[in-house]
Protein backbone atom coordinates (compact mmCIF):
# COMPACT_ATOMS: atom_id res chain seq x y z
CA MET A 1 -43.94 1.78 230.87
CA ARG A 2 -40.83 3.35 228.65
CA TYR A 3 -42.17 4.59 225.88
CA GLN A 4 -45.20 6.74 225.54
CA GLU A 5 -45.73 8.70 222.52
CA SER A 6 -48.52 8.60 220.68
CA LYS A 7 -48.85 7.42 217.17
CA ASP A 8 -48.27 10.85 215.29
CA ARG A 9 -45.27 12.08 217.59
CA SER A 10 -43.45 8.10 217.16
CA ALA A 11 -43.89 8.19 213.25
CA GLU A 12 -41.85 11.75 213.41
CA VAL A 13 -39.59 9.66 215.61
CA LEU A 14 -38.93 6.94 213.76
CA ARG A 15 -38.15 9.28 211.06
CA LEU A 16 -35.22 10.97 212.87
CA ALA A 17 -33.98 7.71 214.49
CA LEU A 18 -33.44 5.66 211.38
CA ALA A 19 -32.54 9.23 209.22
CA GLN A 20 -29.36 8.56 212.21
CA MET A 21 -28.97 4.91 211.56
CA GLY A 22 -28.77 5.51 207.78
CA ARG A 23 -25.57 7.28 208.93
CA GLN A 24 -23.75 5.01 210.39
CA ALA A 25 -21.90 2.01 210.39
CA ALA A 26 -24.17 0.19 213.35
CA ALA A 27 -26.25 -2.91 211.68
CA PHE A 28 -29.87 -2.00 211.75
CA ASN A 29 -31.60 -4.42 214.68
CA PRO A 30 -33.44 -3.64 217.82
CA VAL A 31 -30.38 -2.72 219.79
CA THR A 32 -29.56 0.09 217.33
CA PHE A 33 -32.85 1.24 217.00
CA THR A 34 -33.85 1.39 220.03
CA ILE A 35 -30.61 4.04 221.11
CA TRP A 36 -31.64 5.99 218.12
CA TYR A 37 -35.63 5.88 218.65
CA GLU A 38 -34.53 7.06 222.75
CA TYR A 39 -31.45 9.60 220.94
CA ALA A 40 -34.10 11.15 218.67
CA ALA A 41 -37.16 11.42 221.06
CA GLY A 42 -35.47 12.66 223.53
CA ILE A 43 -36.26 10.78 226.43
CA ASN A 44 -33.31 9.71 227.98
CA PRO A 45 -30.55 12.46 228.42
CA LYS A 46 -27.70 10.20 229.79
CA LEU A 47 -27.58 8.42 226.23
CA HIS A 48 -28.37 11.52 224.16
CA ALA A 49 -25.19 13.36 225.94
CA ALA A 50 -22.95 10.04 225.04
CA ILE A 51 -23.85 10.45 221.70
CA GLU A 52 -23.59 13.85 221.42
CA GLN A 53 -19.77 13.46 222.45
CA LEU A 54 -19.19 10.70 219.69
CA LEU A 55 -21.01 13.21 217.11
CA HIS A 56 -18.90 16.01 218.31
CA ASP A 57 -15.70 13.86 217.81
CA LYS A 58 -16.68 12.25 214.38
CA GLN A 59 -16.57 9.07 215.78
CA LEU A 60 -18.49 6.16 213.72
CA ILE A 61 -20.90 4.56 215.99
CA ASP A 62 -20.64 0.68 214.81
CA ASP A 63 -22.06 -2.45 216.53
CA ALA A 64 -19.55 -2.34 219.16
CA VAL A 65 -20.38 1.02 220.41
CA ALA A 66 -23.93 0.70 219.92
CA ALA A 67 -24.15 -2.17 222.18
CA LYS A 68 -21.73 -0.28 224.52
CA LEU A 69 -24.36 2.99 224.52
CA TYR A 70 -27.42 0.14 225.22
CA THR A 71 -25.62 -1.60 227.70
CA GLU A 72 -24.90 1.67 229.71
CA HIS A 73 -27.56 4.00 229.00
CA VAL A 74 -30.88 1.56 227.77
CA ALA A 75 -30.77 -1.77 230.22
CA ALA A 76 -33.15 -1.63 232.33
CA THR A 77 -33.30 -0.87 236.44
CA ASP A 78 -36.92 -1.42 236.58
CA GLU A 79 -38.08 -3.53 239.39
CA ALA A 80 -36.93 -6.37 237.36
CA ALA A 81 -33.23 -4.54 237.59
CA MET A 82 -33.49 -5.01 242.01
CA ARG A 83 -34.33 -8.17 242.07
CA ARG A 84 -31.55 -9.67 239.81
CA ILE A 85 -28.97 -6.94 241.47
CA SER A 86 -30.88 -8.35 245.07
CA GLY A 87 -30.65 -12.16 243.92
CA GLU A 88 -26.64 -11.55 242.74
CA PHE A 89 -25.57 -9.96 246.39
CA GLN A 90 -27.36 -13.33 247.58
CA ARG A 91 -25.53 -15.49 245.21
CA MET A 92 -22.54 -13.53 245.79
CA LEU A 93 -22.76 -13.32 250.30
CA GLY A 94 -23.78 -16.87 250.20
CA GLY A 95 -20.56 -17.55 248.38
CA ILE A 96 -18.08 -15.95 250.73
CA ALA A 97 -20.78 -17.80 253.66
CA GLN A 98 -19.50 -20.98 251.87
CA SER A 99 -16.32 -20.82 251.96
CA ALA A 100 -15.53 -18.92 255.01
CA SER A 101 -17.81 -21.87 256.73
CA GLU A 102 -15.58 -24.64 254.40
CA THR A 103 -12.09 -22.94 256.35
CA GLY A 104 -13.55 -23.11 259.66
CA ASP A 105 -14.07 -26.68 259.27
CA ARG A 106 -10.78 -27.13 258.30
CA ALA A 107 -9.37 -24.54 260.55
CA GLY A 108 -11.47 -26.79 263.33
CA ARG A 109 -9.80 -30.50 261.96
CA TYR A 110 -6.19 -28.40 261.90
CA THR A 111 -6.83 -27.49 266.12
CA GLU A 112 -7.20 -30.86 266.44
CA GLN A 113 -4.17 -32.04 264.73
CA LEU A 114 -2.43 -29.68 266.50
CA GLU A 115 -3.43 -31.02 269.61
CA THR A 116 -2.83 -34.45 269.25
CA LEU A 117 0.51 -33.97 267.71
CA THR A 118 1.13 -31.30 271.13
CA ALA A 119 0.21 -34.18 272.64
CA ALA A 120 2.77 -36.83 271.21
CA LEU A 121 5.57 -34.60 271.24
CA MET A 122 4.98 -34.19 275.72
CA SER A 123 4.71 -38.11 275.40
CA GLN A 124 8.44 -37.97 273.83
CA ASP A 125 6.82 -41.61 271.97
CA VAL A 126 8.65 -40.80 268.65
CA THR A 127 6.47 -43.95 267.74
CA GLN A 128 3.70 -41.36 267.98
CA ILE A 129 5.23 -38.30 266.73
CA THR A 130 5.90 -39.26 263.08
CA PRO A 131 2.01 -39.97 262.10
CA HIS A 132 1.21 -37.05 263.49
CA ILE A 133 3.75 -34.28 261.91
CA ASP A 134 3.06 -35.59 258.64
CA GLU A 135 -0.94 -34.69 259.74
CA ALA A 136 0.04 -31.76 260.81
CA ARG A 137 2.40 -31.09 257.64
CA VAL A 138 -0.82 -32.32 255.68
CA GLY A 139 -3.36 -30.02 257.13
CA THR A 140 -0.94 -27.29 256.66
CA GLU A 141 -0.79 -27.54 253.70
CA GLU A 142 -5.20 -27.77 253.80
CA MET A 143 -5.58 -24.73 255.65
CA LYS A 144 -2.97 -22.70 253.70
CA SER A 145 -4.91 -23.95 250.65
CA SER A 146 -8.22 -22.95 252.02
CA ALA A 147 -7.23 -19.16 253.54
CA GLN A 148 -6.44 -18.56 250.34
CA ALA A 149 -9.47 -19.40 248.43
CA LEU A 150 -11.32 -17.53 250.86
CA GLN A 151 -8.63 -14.37 250.04
CA ARG A 152 -9.39 -14.55 246.49
CA GLN A 153 -13.17 -15.36 246.99
CA VAL A 154 -13.27 -12.31 249.14
CA ILE A 155 -11.09 -10.21 246.51
CA SER A 156 -13.51 -11.12 243.29
CA SER A 157 -16.45 -10.32 246.17
CA GLN A 158 -15.36 -6.99 246.35
CA ASN A 159 -15.07 -6.38 242.81
CA GLU A 160 -18.62 -7.47 242.66
CA ILE A 161 -19.78 -5.36 245.24
CA ALA A 162 -18.32 -2.37 243.21
CA ARG A 163 -20.20 -3.53 240.38
CA LEU A 164 -23.51 -4.05 241.79
CA ARG A 165 -23.31 -1.06 244.27
CA HIS A 166 -23.04 0.88 240.66
CA ASP A 167 -26.00 -0.58 239.35
CA LEU A 168 -28.15 -0.45 242.25
CA ASP A 169 -27.11 3.21 242.62
CA ARG A 170 -28.20 3.85 238.99
CA ALA A 171 -31.70 1.62 239.41
CA ARG A 172 -32.21 3.94 241.85
CA GLY A 173 -31.45 7.21 240.38
CA GLU A 174 -32.86 6.03 237.59
CA ALA A 175 -36.12 5.40 239.88
CA LEU A 176 -36.61 8.99 240.50
CA THR A 177 -35.26 10.54 237.25
CA ASP A 178 -37.32 12.69 234.65
CA PRO A 179 -35.80 10.66 231.49
CA LEU A 180 -36.48 13.58 229.22
CA THR A 181 -34.84 16.19 231.81
CA GLY A 182 -32.70 14.42 233.20
CA ILE A 183 -34.05 16.42 236.94
CA LEU A 184 -36.16 15.18 239.34
CA ASN A 185 -39.09 13.04 238.21
CA ARG A 186 -42.47 13.37 240.30
CA LYS A 187 -41.33 10.76 243.19
CA GLY A 188 -38.07 12.13 243.04
CA PHE A 189 -40.19 15.31 243.53
CA ASP A 190 -41.79 14.05 246.31
CA GLN A 191 -39.09 12.50 248.47
CA ARG A 192 -36.84 15.93 248.69
CA LEU A 193 -40.44 17.68 249.44
CA LYS A 194 -40.77 15.03 251.94
CA ALA A 195 -37.34 15.58 253.57
CA LEU A 196 -37.80 18.88 254.17
CA PHE A 197 -41.06 18.52 257.10
CA ASP A 198 -38.06 16.11 258.87
CA GLU A 199 -35.38 18.38 258.96
CA PRO A 200 -35.56 22.15 261.18
CA ALA A 201 -35.29 25.22 258.83
CA GLY A 202 -33.28 27.07 261.02
CA ALA A 203 -33.33 30.04 262.72
CA GLY A 204 -34.00 33.04 260.62
CA ARG A 205 -34.50 30.27 257.30
CA GLU A 206 -37.46 28.84 255.64
CA HIS A 207 -38.07 26.27 253.75
CA CYS A 208 -39.19 27.59 250.30
CA LEU A 209 -41.10 25.62 246.57
CA VAL A 210 -41.27 27.19 243.82
CA MET A 211 -43.73 26.35 240.80
CA LEU A 212 -43.35 27.19 236.89
CA ASP A 213 -45.28 26.35 234.11
CA ILE A 214 -44.68 26.85 230.57
CA ASP A 215 -46.03 29.55 229.17
CA HIS A 216 -49.10 29.00 225.92
CA PHE A 217 -46.96 25.83 225.33
CA LYS A 218 -49.56 23.93 224.23
CA LYS A 219 -49.73 26.34 220.90
CA VAL A 220 -45.38 25.08 220.42
CA ASN A 221 -46.61 21.36 220.27
CA ASP A 222 -49.63 22.91 218.14
CA ALA A 223 -47.51 24.57 216.06
CA HIS A 224 -44.13 22.99 215.93
CA GLY A 225 -44.42 19.22 216.76
CA HIS A 226 -44.27 17.05 220.06
CA VAL A 227 -40.59 16.47 219.26
CA MET A 228 -39.80 20.14 219.45
CA GLY A 229 -41.78 21.13 222.62
CA ASP A 230 -40.01 18.12 223.83
CA ARG A 231 -36.47 20.32 223.11
CA VAL A 232 -38.44 23.13 225.37
CA ILE A 233 -38.67 21.07 228.21
CA GLN A 234 -35.22 19.50 227.45
CA GLY A 235 -34.10 23.39 227.18
CA LEU A 236 -36.06 24.20 230.44
CA GLY A 237 -34.78 21.26 232.68
CA GLU A 238 -31.27 22.48 231.48
CA ILE A 239 -31.84 26.02 232.76
CA LEU A 240 -33.25 25.01 236.39
CA ARG A 241 -30.30 22.61 237.05
CA GLN A 242 -27.47 25.45 236.36
CA VAL A 243 -30.00 27.36 238.50
CA VAL A 244 -29.75 25.04 241.23
CA ALA A 245 -26.72 23.79 240.59
CA ASP A 246 -23.71 23.97 243.78
CA THR A 247 -26.51 24.78 245.69
CA PRO A 248 -28.56 22.29 248.40
CA HIS A 249 -31.72 23.14 246.15
CA ALA A 250 -33.26 21.15 243.64
CA ALA A 251 -34.88 21.21 240.59
CA ALA A 252 -37.74 18.62 239.61
CA ARG A 253 -40.80 17.66 236.46
CA TYR A 254 -43.67 18.00 238.42
CA GLY A 255 -45.81 16.70 235.96
CA GLY A 256 -46.16 17.67 231.81
CA GLU A 257 -45.01 21.32 230.84
CA GLU A 258 -45.10 22.19 235.41
CA PHE A 259 -41.61 22.37 237.14
CA ALA A 260 -40.63 22.92 241.07
CA LEU A 261 -37.66 23.86 242.18
CA VAL A 262 -37.47 23.12 246.21
CA LEU A 263 -35.45 25.33 248.77
CA PRO A 264 -34.35 24.21 251.95
CA HIS A 265 -32.92 26.40 254.42
CA SER A 266 -33.84 29.32 252.70
CA THR A 267 -35.68 32.70 252.79
CA LEU A 268 -38.44 33.62 250.56
CA ASP A 269 -36.66 36.89 249.39
CA ASP A 270 -33.79 33.98 247.70
CA ALA A 271 -36.73 32.15 246.59
CA LEU A 272 -38.17 35.18 244.32
CA ARG A 273 -34.36 36.01 243.61
CA VAL A 274 -34.12 32.35 242.14
CA ALA A 275 -37.60 31.93 240.56
CA GLU A 276 -36.74 35.59 239.24
CA GLN A 277 -33.24 33.75 237.83
CA ALA A 278 -34.98 30.91 236.21
CA ARG A 279 -37.84 32.98 234.35
CA SER A 280 -34.95 35.38 233.14
CA ARG A 281 -32.56 32.45 232.19
CA ALA A 282 -36.02 30.78 229.94
CA LYS A 283 -36.95 34.29 228.11
CA ALA A 284 -33.68 34.42 226.85
CA MET A 285 -33.37 30.94 225.82
CA LYS A 286 -33.81 30.60 222.03
CA ILE A 287 -35.03 27.08 219.45
CA ARG A 288 -33.56 27.18 216.99
CA ASN A 289 -34.11 25.41 213.60
CA ARG A 290 -30.89 22.86 213.55
CA ASN A 291 -30.47 22.30 210.06
CA THR A 292 -30.23 26.21 209.78
CA GLN A 293 -29.81 27.88 213.24
CA GLU A 294 -32.21 29.96 212.20
CA VAL A 295 -34.37 31.27 216.02
CA MET A 296 -38.19 30.15 215.33
CA PHE A 297 -39.36 31.05 218.63
CA THR A 298 -39.13 31.72 222.19
CA ILE A 299 -41.30 31.44 225.34
CA THR A 300 -41.79 32.29 228.91
CA ILE A 301 -42.69 30.44 232.34
CA SER A 302 -45.43 31.86 235.02
CA GLY A 303 -43.84 31.12 238.69
CA GLY A 304 -45.46 30.62 242.41
CA VAL A 305 -43.56 30.87 245.09
CA ALA A 306 -44.22 30.23 248.89
CA ALA A 307 -42.54 29.26 252.51
CA LEU A 308 -43.59 26.36 254.53
CA ARG A 309 -45.73 27.95 257.28
CA PRO A 310 -45.58 25.93 260.90
CA GLY A 311 -47.98 22.85 260.88
CA GLU A 312 -48.51 22.55 257.36
CA ASP A 313 -48.41 19.27 255.34
CA ALA A 314 -46.97 18.78 251.37
CA THR A 315 -50.59 19.07 250.14
CA SER A 316 -51.46 22.80 251.28
CA PHE A 317 -47.70 23.57 250.86
CA VAL A 318 -47.85 22.43 247.11
CA ALA A 319 -51.47 24.25 246.90
CA ARG A 320 -50.34 27.45 248.08
CA ALA A 321 -47.11 27.91 245.61
CA ASP A 322 -49.19 26.43 243.32
CA SER A 323 -51.67 29.30 243.52
CA ALA A 324 -49.45 31.49 243.59
CA LEU A 325 -48.46 30.28 240.10
CA TYR A 326 -52.26 30.41 238.47
CA ARG A 327 -52.36 34.51 239.99
CA SER A 328 -48.89 35.14 237.65
CA LYS A 329 -51.11 33.39 234.90
CA GLN A 330 -54.07 35.36 235.53
CA ASP A 331 -52.02 38.66 235.40
CA GLY A 332 -50.35 37.98 232.24
CA ARG A 333 -47.66 35.35 232.59
CA ASP A 334 -44.06 35.61 232.32
CA ARG A 335 -43.98 36.79 235.71
CA VAL A 336 -43.70 35.52 239.24
CA SER A 337 -45.70 36.00 241.88
CA ARG A 338 -45.46 34.80 246.30
CA VAL A 339 -48.03 33.74 248.96
């Protein structure tokens, strides 16, 4: 289910969404409401970034812009979308096959016409040559027309394939992406972790895992509301994205306020360094009031680091990193532990 906000939280998001809608030129319809609801709820990072850019450029969001935002960033990419893409692929390939078949049939008839004309030419019977020349000329025109139609079909299909590939990449990407933070979701994490077990780490290297958790996150929600809690989660997601940028590592939202870093071909020391970098950046993050820019509060995170052992499975690997994380919690939080 795309929307999982509680009644209280959704009421708060509704208030924010309606306020935004009132400042713009688009009509108050379901499409406009949806984009502003997802923007205010913080559950669609790509949409949020697109709207932020429009607001920064002081561009008024009218019906056309709202429709474009909805099509590009909200339109469903679930199983139904995958079935639609698959159906369009089949339809397109069927059209190519039909055009190719018709061209092949015409090519066969054209070959017969040429063979008959060749036989007439060899007989040197003028009365037989003339009608066969006429048939060959008509066949040539038909063959040319058929080949051109097939060429147009292929060119059109190439453009269609590019569009469908984009839709397919988007559907696959969003299926593995956490909508609030834009980093991997639990499914994406599981797939990335599985890849570690399919590839040896190499000499002197280790596959490592970092589990991270926001300290006292419930207090943030209780004191400041779920929307503010979402801002904290979004902010930490962005920090983790920056920490793993330009590396083979991956950041994921494991669930709730718990996150993970998957570090292939690394070392335990490197993993500790990355975890400490994430911890220090998170501690430096300041949550401000958007109207006054006053700092409202800061957060800390705790972490646990583990290196994959020979013969270990994914469940044990995650459990050991989690165990190190909870040792950090027990030792006072705002720290990273290793196993």
